[in-house]
Protein backbone atom coordinates (compact mmCIF):
# COMPACT_ATOMS: atom_id res chain seq x y z
CA SER A 1 26.32 56.91 41.73
CA LYS A 2 28.67 56.07 44.54
CA GLU A 3 28.53 59.64 45.77
CA GLY A 4 24.76 59.56 45.68
CA ALA A 5 24.81 56.37 47.67
CA ILE A 6 27.11 57.83 50.30
CA SER A 7 25.39 61.21 50.70
CA HIS A 8 21.90 59.77 50.49
CA PRO A 9 21.77 56.46 52.38
CA THR A 10 18.03 56.28 52.33
CA GLU A 11 17.94 56.55 48.53
CA SER A 12 20.57 53.84 48.13
CA THR A 13 18.55 51.39 50.17
CA SER A 14 15.65 51.85 47.80
CA VAL A 15 17.74 51.36 44.63
CA ILE A 16 19.45 48.08 45.57
CA PRO A 17 16.23 46.02 46.00
CA GLN A 18 14.97 47.25 42.64
CA ARG A 19 18.14 46.00 40.94
CA SER A 20 17.90 42.61 42.68
CA VAL A 21 14.31 42.20 41.51
CA ALA A 22 15.35 43.07 37.96
CA VAL A 23 18.17 40.52 38.09
CA GLN A 24 15.78 37.84 39.35
CA ARG A 25 13.32 38.58 36.56
CA ARG A 26 16.07 38.43 34.01
CA ASN A 27 17.31 35.09 35.39
CA THR A 28 13.78 33.71 35.38
CA SER A 29 13.29 34.67 31.74
CA GLU A 30 16.62 33.07 30.82
CA LEU A 31 15.66 29.81 32.55
CA LEU A 32 12.33 29.80 30.72
CA GLN A 33 14.06 30.27 27.38
CA ARG A 34 16.45 27.42 28.15
CA SER A 35 13.59 25.06 29.02
CA ILE A 36 11.86 25.94 25.75
CA ALA A 37 15.10 25.25 23.86
CA VAL A 38 15.46 21.85 25.54
CA THR A 39 11.90 21.02 24.63
CA ALA A 40 12.65 21.78 20.97
CA MET A 41 15.78 19.54 21.03
CA ALA A 42 18.08 22.36 20.02
CA THR A 43 20.53 24.79 21.64
CA PRO A 44 20.14 28.07 19.74
CA PRO A 45 21.63 31.34 21.01
CA ALA A 46 19.53 33.77 22.99
CA GLY A 47 16.82 35.32 20.89
CA ALA A 48 17.24 32.83 18.00
CA ALA A 49 14.58 30.30 17.04
CA SER A 50 15.37 26.59 16.67
CA PRO A 51 15.31 25.29 13.06
CA VAL A 52 13.75 22.03 14.22
CA ALA A 53 11.06 23.90 16.12
CA LEU A 54 10.41 26.09 13.11
CA GLY A 55 10.08 23.01 10.94
CA GLU A 56 7.72 21.34 13.38
CA ARG A 57 5.49 24.41 13.60
CA GLN A 58 4.64 23.94 9.95
CA PRO A 59 1.28 22.19 9.47
CA LEU A 60 1.11 18.66 8.09
CA LEU A 61 -0.85 20.02 5.13
CA SER A 62 0.34 23.23 3.51
CA PRO A 63 -2.30 25.67 2.20
CA ASP A 64 -2.00 24.35 -1.36
CA GLN A 65 -2.30 20.72 -0.19
CA LYS A 66 -5.58 20.91 1.72
CA LEU A 67 -8.32 18.51 0.79
CA GLY A 68 -10.17 21.22 -1.08
CA ALA A 69 -7.29 21.61 -3.55
CA THR A 70 -5.39 18.36 -3.42
CA PRO A 71 -2.89 18.06 -6.28
CA THR A 72 -3.26 15.13 -8.62
CA SER A 73 0.30 14.01 -7.89
CA LEU A 74 -0.65 13.41 -4.25
CA LEU A 75 -3.36 10.96 -5.26
CA ASP A 76 -0.94 9.27 -7.69
CA ASP A 77 -3.79 8.91 -10.20
CA GLU A 78 -4.15 5.31 -9.11
CA TRP A 79 -7.00 2.96 -9.85
CA ASP A 80 -8.94 2.21 -6.69
CA SER A 81 -9.93 -1.45 -6.88
CA THR A 82 -12.11 -1.13 -3.77
CA HIS A 83 -14.28 1.75 -5.01
CA TYR A 84 -17.33 0.29 -6.77
CA ASP A 85 -21.07 -0.18 -6.31
CA ILE A 86 -21.50 -3.65 -4.87
CA THR A 87 -25.29 -3.54 -5.37
CA LYS A 88 -24.76 -3.90 -9.12
CA MET A 89 -23.12 -7.29 -8.62
CA THR A 90 -26.51 -8.94 -8.15
CA SER A 91 -27.97 -7.72 -11.45
CA TRP A 92 -27.13 -7.91 -15.14
CA ALA A 93 -25.55 -4.47 -14.84
CA VAL A 94 -22.40 -6.35 -13.93
CA PHE A 95 -21.82 -7.04 -17.64
CA GLY A 96 -21.43 -3.30 -18.24
CA MET A 97 -18.70 -2.90 -15.61
CA VAL A 98 -15.65 -3.36 -17.81
CA THR A 99 -12.95 -1.12 -16.33
CA GLY A 100 -10.79 -3.02 -13.87
CA CYS A 101 -12.49 -6.39 -14.39
CA ALA A 102 -10.77 -9.65 -15.32
CA TRP A 103 -11.94 -9.42 -18.93
CA ASP A 104 -10.10 -6.12 -19.40
CA ASN A 105 -6.84 -8.02 -19.71
CA TYR A 106 -4.69 -8.37 -22.80
CA SER A 107 -3.00 -11.64 -21.82
CA LEU A 108 -6.39 -13.34 -21.27
CA TRP A 109 -7.65 -12.54 -24.76
CA ARG A 110 -4.30 -13.33 -26.30
CA CYS A 111 -4.45 -16.88 -24.89
CA THR A 112 -8.05 -17.17 -26.04
CA GLY A 113 -7.09 -16.03 -29.54
CA CYS A 114 -4.31 -18.61 -29.65
CA ALA A 115 -6.80 -21.30 -28.61
CA ILE A 116 -9.24 -20.28 -31.37
CA LEU A 117 -6.41 -20.26 -33.92
CA LEU A 118 -5.36 -23.74 -32.79
CA SER A 119 -8.93 -25.03 -33.10
CA CYS A 120 -9.29 -23.65 -36.62
CA THR A 121 -5.95 -25.18 -37.64
CA VAL A 122 -6.99 -28.60 -36.32
CA ALA A 123 -10.35 -28.33 -38.10
CA VAL A 124 -8.68 -27.57 -41.44
CA ILE A 125 -6.29 -30.49 -40.99
CA ILE A 126 -9.20 -32.83 -40.23
CA VAL A 127 -10.96 -31.77 -43.42
CA PHE A 128 -7.99 -32.68 -45.62
CA ILE A 129 -6.99 -35.91 -43.85
CA PRO A 130 -8.31 -39.02 -45.64
CA HIS A 131 -10.74 -41.26 -43.77
CA SER A 132 -11.02 -38.77 -40.88
CA SER A 133 -14.81 -39.23 -41.03
CA LEU A 134 -14.37 -42.61 -39.38
CA VAL A 135 -13.57 -40.93 -36.05
CA ALA A 136 -16.46 -41.04 -33.57
CA PRO A 137 -17.30 -37.46 -32.42
CA GLU A 138 -18.69 -38.70 -29.08
CA LYS A 139 -15.23 -39.91 -28.01
CA VAL A 140 -13.51 -36.75 -29.22
CA GLU A 141 -15.84 -34.57 -27.16
CA LYS A 142 -14.65 -36.23 -23.95
CA MET A 143 -10.93 -35.73 -24.65
CA GLY A 144 -10.55 -32.25 -23.26
CA THR A 145 -12.92 -32.43 -20.31
CA PHE A 146 -11.10 -34.81 -17.97
CA LEU A 147 -8.91 -31.99 -16.47
CA ASN A 148 -11.69 -29.49 -15.94
CA VAL A 149 -12.76 -30.63 -12.48
CA PHE A 150 -9.18 -31.04 -11.22
CA VAL A 151 -8.06 -27.63 -12.51
CA GLY A 152 -11.16 -25.94 -11.11
CA LEU A 153 -10.49 -27.39 -7.65
CA LEU A 154 -6.86 -26.24 -7.61
CA LEU A 155 -7.81 -22.77 -8.83
CA GLY A 156 -10.35 -22.46 -6.02
CA PHE A 157 -7.67 -23.14 -3.40
CA PHE A 158 -5.23 -20.72 -5.03
CA LEU A 159 -7.82 -17.95 -5.27
CA SER A 160 -8.78 -18.36 -1.61
CA SER A 161 -5.12 -18.17 -0.56
CA SER A 162 -4.56 -15.07 -2.70
CA MET A 163 -7.54 -13.26 -1.20
CA ASN A 164 -6.36 -14.03 2.33
CA ARG A 165 -2.94 -12.71 1.41
CA TRP A 166 -4.47 -9.49 0.03
CA TYR A 167 -6.51 -8.89 3.18
CA ARG A 168 -3.50 -9.51 5.42
CA CYS A 169 -1.45 -7.02 3.42
CA VAL A 170 -4.15 -4.36 3.66
CA SER A 171 -4.59 -5.00 7.39
CA ALA A 172 -0.86 -4.67 8.05
CA PHE A 173 -0.68 -1.36 6.18
CA LEU A 174 -3.72 -0.01 8.03
CA GLU A 175 -2.17 -1.07 11.35
CA LEU A 176 0.79 1.18 10.57
CA LEU A 177 -1.53 4.13 9.97
CA ASP A 178 -3.48 3.34 13.14
CA ALA A 179 -0.22 3.37 15.11
CA VAL A 180 0.43 6.93 13.91
CA ARG A 181 -3.06 7.97 15.04
CA SER A 182 -2.64 6.23 18.41
CA MET A 183 0.69 7.96 19.00
CA GLN A 184 -0.86 11.36 18.36
CA MET A 185 -3.75 10.53 20.71
CA GLN A 186 -1.33 9.59 23.48
CA MET A 187 0.55 12.87 23.07
CA ILE A 188 -2.69 14.88 23.19
CA ALA A 189 -3.79 13.06 26.35
CA LEU A 190 -0.46 13.82 28.03
CA GLY A 191 -0.47 17.46 26.94
CA VAL A 192 2.82 17.25 25.05
CA THR A 193 3.91 20.44 23.32
CA GLN A 194 2.78 20.98 19.75
CA GLU A 195 6.34 20.82 18.42
CA ARG A 196 6.87 17.35 19.89
CA ALA A 197 3.49 16.04 18.78
CA ASN A 198 3.99 17.35 15.25
CA MET A 199 7.43 15.76 15.07
CA LEU A 200 6.11 12.33 16.08
CA SER A 201 3.17 12.56 13.67
CA ARG A 202 5.44 13.70 10.86
CA TYR A 203 7.84 10.81 11.39
CA GLY A 204 4.97 8.33 11.31
CA LEU A 205 3.48 9.88 8.18
CA LEU A 206 6.88 9.96 6.50
CA SER A 207 7.39 6.27 7.30
CA ALA A 208 4.05 5.36 5.70
CA TRP A 209 4.78 7.39 2.55
CA LEU A 210 8.27 5.91 2.16
CA LEU A 211 6.91 2.38 2.60
CA HIS A 212 4.20 2.97 0.00
CA ILE A 213 6.60 4.41 -2.58
CA SER A 214 9.26 1.78 -1.91
CA LEU A 215 6.86 -1.13 -2.39
CA HIS A 216 5.62 0.20 -5.73
CA MET A 217 9.17 0.87 -6.89
CA ASP A 218 10.20 -2.71 -6.07
CA ALA A 219 7.15 -4.03 -7.90
CA ASN A 220 7.96 -2.04 -11.04
CA ASP A 221 11.69 -2.74 -11.07
CA GLY A 222 11.65 -6.40 -10.12
CA ILE A 223 14.51 -8.16 -8.34
CA PRO A 224 17.99 -7.01 -9.44
CA ASP A 225 20.86 -9.42 -10.00
CA GLU A 226 23.79 -9.59 -7.59
CA THR A 227 26.26 -7.75 -9.87
CA ALA A 228 24.13 -4.64 -10.17
CA GLU A 229 22.66 -4.73 -6.64
CA ALA A 230 24.83 -1.92 -5.23
CA HIS A 231 24.21 0.41 -8.16
CA HIS A 232 20.52 -0.51 -8.12
CA SER A 233 20.27 0.33 -4.40
CA SER A 234 21.82 3.80 -4.75
CA ALA A 235 19.71 4.59 -7.82
CA ASN A 236 16.57 3.43 -6.04
CA ALA A 237 17.35 5.62 -3.04
CA LYS A 238 17.54 8.70 -5.26
CA ARG A 239 14.36 7.77 -7.08
CA LEU A 240 12.62 7.12 -3.78
CA TRP A 241 13.29 10.58 -2.40
CA GLN A 242 12.60 12.27 -5.73
CA SER A 243 9.23 10.53 -5.85
CA LEU A 244 8.52 11.59 -2.26
CA GLU A 245 9.31 15.23 -3.04
CA ARG A 246 7.04 15.06 -6.07
CA LYS A 247 4.09 13.35 -4.36
CA ARG A 248 4.33 14.76 -0.84
CA PRO A 249 6.74 17.72 -0.59
CA GLY A 250 7.69 19.39 2.68
CA LEU A 251 7.47 16.23 4.79
CA VAL A 252 11.14 15.84 5.69
CA LEU A 253 13.79 18.32 6.78
CA PRO A 254 17.06 18.50 4.78
CA SER A 255 19.19 17.33 7.72
CA GLU A 256 16.87 14.35 8.28
CA LYS A 257 16.86 13.50 4.57
CA GLU A 258 20.64 13.42 4.50
CA LEU A 259 20.71 10.86 7.31
CA LEU A 260 17.88 8.71 5.96
CA MET A 261 19.28 8.49 2.42
CA LYS A 262 22.20 6.43 3.72
CA HIS A 263 19.91 3.47 4.50
CA ASP A 264 17.71 1.31 2.28
CA GLU A 265 14.82 0.65 4.65
CA SER A 266 14.55 4.19 6.00
CA TYR A 267 10.80 3.79 6.51
CA ALA A 268 11.48 1.25 9.27
CA LEU A 269 14.43 3.12 10.80
CA LEU A 270 12.26 6.19 11.30
CA TRP A 271 10.56 4.39 14.16
CA THR A 272 13.98 4.07 15.82
CA TRP A 273 14.02 7.85 15.94
CA VAL A 274 10.50 7.80 17.37
CA ALA A 275 11.56 5.36 20.11
CA SER A 276 14.62 7.48 20.91
CA LEU A 277 12.55 10.65 21.06
CA ILE A 278 10.03 8.97 23.37
CA GLY A 279 12.86 7.98 25.70
CA ARG A 280 14.26 11.50 25.67
CA MET A 281 10.85 12.95 26.49
CA ALA A 282 10.51 10.54 29.41
CA GLN A 283 13.86 11.63 30.80
CA ASN A 284 12.93 15.29 30.37
CA GLY A 285 9.70 14.75 32.28
CA GLU A 286 7.42 15.57 29.33
CA ILE A 287 5.74 12.17 29.57
CA PRO A 288 5.57 9.60 32.40
CA PRO A 289 8.91 7.99 33.29
CA MET A 290 10.17 4.74 31.82
CA PRO A 291 9.02 2.42 34.67
CA SER A 292 5.41 3.64 34.29
CA PRO A 293 2.67 1.68 32.44
CA THR A 294 1.94 4.70 30.26
CA TYR A 295 5.48 4.70 28.90
CA GLY A 296 5.18 0.98 28.19
CA ARG A 297 1.95 1.59 26.27
CA ILE A 298 3.65 4.25 24.12
CA VAL A 299 6.56 1.91 23.38
CA ASN A 300 4.07 -0.81 22.43
CA ILE A 301 2.64 1.55 19.80
CA VAL A 302 6.13 1.90 18.32
CA GLN A 303 6.57 -1.88 18.31
CA GLU A 304 3.18 -2.37 16.63
CA ALA A 305 4.14 0.07 13.88
CA PHE A 306 7.47 -1.65 13.30
CA GLY A 307 5.77 -5.05 13.28
CA SER A 308 3.22 -3.92 10.71
CA ILE A 309 6.03 -2.72 8.43
CA ARG A 310 7.73 -6.09 8.78
CA ASP A 311 4.49 -7.90 7.91
CA VAL A 312 3.92 -5.80 4.80
CA ARG A 313 7.47 -6.41 3.61
CA ALA A 314 7.18 -10.15 4.26
CA LEU A 315 3.91 -10.41 2.33
CA ARG A 316 5.50 -8.47 -0.52
CA LEU A 317 8.72 -10.49 -0.74
CA ILE A 318 7.47 -14.00 0.09
CA LYS A 319 5.35 -15.41 -2.72
CA ALA A 320 3.82 -18.83 -3.26
CA PRO A 321 6.44 -21.51 -4.01
CA PHE A 322 7.46 -21.54 -7.65
CA ILE A 323 6.80 -25.26 -8.07
CA TYR A 324 3.18 -24.77 -6.95
CA ALA A 325 2.43 -21.68 -9.01
CA HIS A 326 4.20 -23.02 -12.10
CA THR A 327 2.48 -26.41 -11.97
CA LEU A 328 -0.92 -24.79 -11.56
CA ALA A 329 -0.30 -22.43 -14.48
CA VAL A 330 0.90 -25.30 -16.69
CA LEU A 331 -2.21 -27.34 -15.84
CA VAL A 332 -4.48 -24.43 -16.76
CA HIS A 333 -2.74 -23.85 -20.10
CA VAL A 334 -2.54 -27.57 -20.93
CA ASN A 335 -6.25 -27.87 -20.20
CA ASN A 336 -6.85 -24.92 -22.50
CA ILE A 337 -4.77 -26.50 -25.29
CA LEU A 338 -6.44 -29.93 -25.00
CA ASN A 339 -9.90 -28.37 -25.08
CA ALA A 340 -8.94 -26.28 -28.10
CA ILE A 341 -7.75 -29.40 -29.92
CA GLY A 342 -10.93 -31.24 -28.99
CA PHE A 343 -13.10 -28.43 -30.29
CA GLY A 344 -11.06 -28.31 -33.50
CA LEU A 345 -11.65 -32.02 -34.08
CA VAL A 346 -15.39 -31.67 -33.58
CA LEU A 347 -15.45 -28.60 -35.81
CA GLY A 348 -13.55 -30.46 -38.53
CA LEU A 349 -15.90 -33.44 -38.37
CA ALA A 350 -18.88 -31.08 -38.58
CA LEU A 351 -17.37 -29.45 -41.65
CA LEU A 352 -16.94 -32.88 -43.25
CA GLN A 353 -20.61 -33.59 -42.59
CA VAL A 354 -21.67 -30.26 -44.06
CA LEU A 355 -19.46 -30.64 -47.11
CA GLY A 356 -20.82 -34.16 -47.70
CA ASN A 357 -17.48 -35.90 -47.59
CA GLY A 358 -18.65 -38.53 -45.16
CA LYS A 359 -21.41 -39.64 -42.83
CA VAL A 360 -20.06 -38.60 -39.46
CA TYR A 361 -23.27 -38.07 -37.53
CA ASN A 362 -26.20 -40.45 -37.50
CA SER A 363 -28.50 -37.68 -38.63
CA THR A 364 -27.63 -35.03 -41.18
CA SER A 365 -29.98 -32.46 -39.74
CA TRP A 366 -28.57 -29.01 -39.10
CA ALA A 367 -30.09 -29.02 -35.63
CA ASN A 368 -27.91 -31.92 -34.45
CA ILE A 369 -24.75 -30.45 -35.94
CA CYS A 370 -25.33 -26.97 -34.50
CA CYS A 371 -26.28 -28.37 -31.09
CA SER A 372 -23.14 -30.51 -30.99
CA LEU A 373 -20.93 -27.58 -31.98
CA PHE A 374 -22.53 -25.29 -29.41
CA MET A 375 -22.14 -27.78 -26.56
CA GLN A 376 -18.54 -28.48 -27.49
CA PHE A 377 -17.83 -24.74 -27.74
CA CYS A 378 -19.17 -24.18 -24.22
CA PHE A 379 -17.17 -27.04 -22.72
CA SER A 380 -13.95 -26.58 -24.69
CA MET A 381 -13.71 -22.80 -25.15
CA VAL A 382 -15.88 -20.96 -22.60
CA GLY A 383 -14.90 -23.21 -19.66
CA PRO A 384 -11.12 -22.85 -20.19
CA LEU A 385 -11.64 -19.11 -20.70
CA LEU A 386 -13.18 -18.91 -17.22
CA TYR A 387 -10.28 -20.90 -15.78
CA LEU A 388 -7.80 -18.52 -17.41
CA ALA A 389 -9.72 -15.60 -15.91
CA LEU A 390 -9.56 -17.20 -12.46
CA LEU A 391 -5.82 -17.73 -12.84
CA GLU A 392 -5.36 -14.07 -13.84
CA VAL A 393 -7.42 -12.92 -10.84
CA SER A 394 -5.52 -15.18 -8.42
CA VAL A 395 -2.10 -14.00 -9.59
CA CYS A 396 -3.24 -10.38 -9.61
CA VAL A 397 -4.71 -10.48 -6.12
CA ALA A 398 -1.70 -12.36 -4.71
CA GLN A 399 0.53 -9.34 -5.50
CA PRO A 400 -1.35 -6.20 -4.41
CA PHE A 401 1.66 -3.95 -5.05
CA THR A 402 2.45 -5.25 -8.53
CA TYR A 403 -0.73 -5.28 -10.58
CA GLN A 404 -2.86 -2.18 -11.12
CA ASP A 405 -6.20 -4.01 -10.99
CA ALA A 406 -5.73 -5.23 -7.40
CA LYS A 407 -3.50 -2.45 -6.08
CA ILE A 408 -4.09 -1.35 -2.50
CA PRO A 409 -5.44 2.24 -2.49
CA ALA A 410 -2.60 3.43 -0.29
CA CYS A 411 -2.81 7.06 -1.43
CA LYS A 412 -6.42 7.21 -0.30
CA PHE A 413 -5.44 5.78 3.08
CA LEU A 414 -2.57 8.25 3.46
CA LYS A 415 -4.80 11.13 2.51
CA GLY A 416 -7.29 10.05 5.19
CA LEU A 417 -4.46 9.75 7.72
CA GLU A 418 -3.30 13.33 7.09
CA GLU A 419 -6.83 14.62 7.42
CA ASP A 420 -7.33 12.69 10.70
CA LEU A 421 -4.07 14.02 12.13
CA LYS A 422 -4.94 17.58 11.20
CA ASN A 423 -8.44 17.36 12.69
CA ALA A 424 -7.23 15.66 15.88
CA ALA A 425 -4.54 18.32 16.39
CA ALA A 426 -7.09 21.10 15.95
CA MET A 427 -9.55 19.51 18.38
CA GLY A 428 -6.85 18.81 20.96
CA ASP A 429 -5.56 22.39 20.92
CA ASP A 430 -8.98 23.90 21.59
CA PRO A 431 -11.04 21.91 24.15
CA PRO A 432 -14.62 23.22 24.59
CA HIS A 433 -15.03 23.42 28.41
CA TRP A 434 -11.64 22.69 29.99
CA GLU A 435 -8.00 23.59 29.71
CA LYS A 436 -5.51 21.49 27.80
CA PRO A 437 -3.85 18.78 29.89
CA CYS A 438 -0.18 19.07 30.71
CA PHE A 439 1.81 16.28 32.35
CA LYS A 440 4.98 18.32 32.78
CA THR A 441 4.61 20.83 35.60
CA LYS A 442 6.06 24.27 34.90
């Protein structure tokens, strides 16, 4: 080639510019590949794809997890306490709605059965006690009714407090899901690459799933003692991630899982990664810089998500004071016992009248005896049964992550979140009459 260059100077002058253009094109392509690698937060060799970028290119819902064929494990087969026809509440059709109601409760009917057994025992004792017919039934009927008004007032306050607690817990969980949606909307408005937007959405979705599973695990296991706390924590971490893989597989990368398993509250620490990634994107010029109002708005979304997680955890861990809940429960059960004894006394006196062992009532007509028994049964048995039902409802609603009847339908909310993220990503990638926005200039 050197000889050709020397003997043919005109040909050499035409070859050198072609080589320089080729070198410039090659350098330009290398710079473009490097910028793409920085965007994917990886440094792979030339021609190799980043594992993080490959993981982020995967859709939030795999083909076998779309809404048309959602597996039953994803829905957790949970009872949705908010899914019912409220129009039936104003008619007698309410008596046919048994599943999930307060009357579908074993402990309620067990206490009622104990009260009936106590009444029958007292009635039998009254029959065999000498001179028991001298007792005035009018005074006995008033024995168990003096606590009814007081217990009903306290139960009303407790039920109102429990409902407010339930609504606050639901609102805090929904605020976390709204923060994930708002973060995705900000990334679409700024024209962030799909890999970055998918990573942020996946972290938010993973945080919500881990919080949901962790709360239900704590509710089922209870509070461990101090001696077994370390072993309990490690065992719970394994169960947590096994449950996540069973209910929502493919949501976390192996390298991320290895880091998150070292911490108990990984659902909250995920938003530390989100904040760090937002800062890195601002330094790379993918989003507005840190001093800008837009960056402050994005950081506020992260803070709102972290605050909602803290509120949910606080509402889960902090219950009503024991002295208040215990005293109220004791009053309800004592009222039930006193009313059962009072009804047993009236029933025993009525049996004495029927058997002819004494003149208890002024009139021996069956109408007076049956009317007295019916009124006493309503006051002493049906009334306390309603108070027991209110106590069951109040305790159940106060712990929305513990009891099945008042459980928050978190799986339904998470399913809706995934569908919203998928639809928003599809709409943002294909605008109808304009090009996609892009904050970072190429």
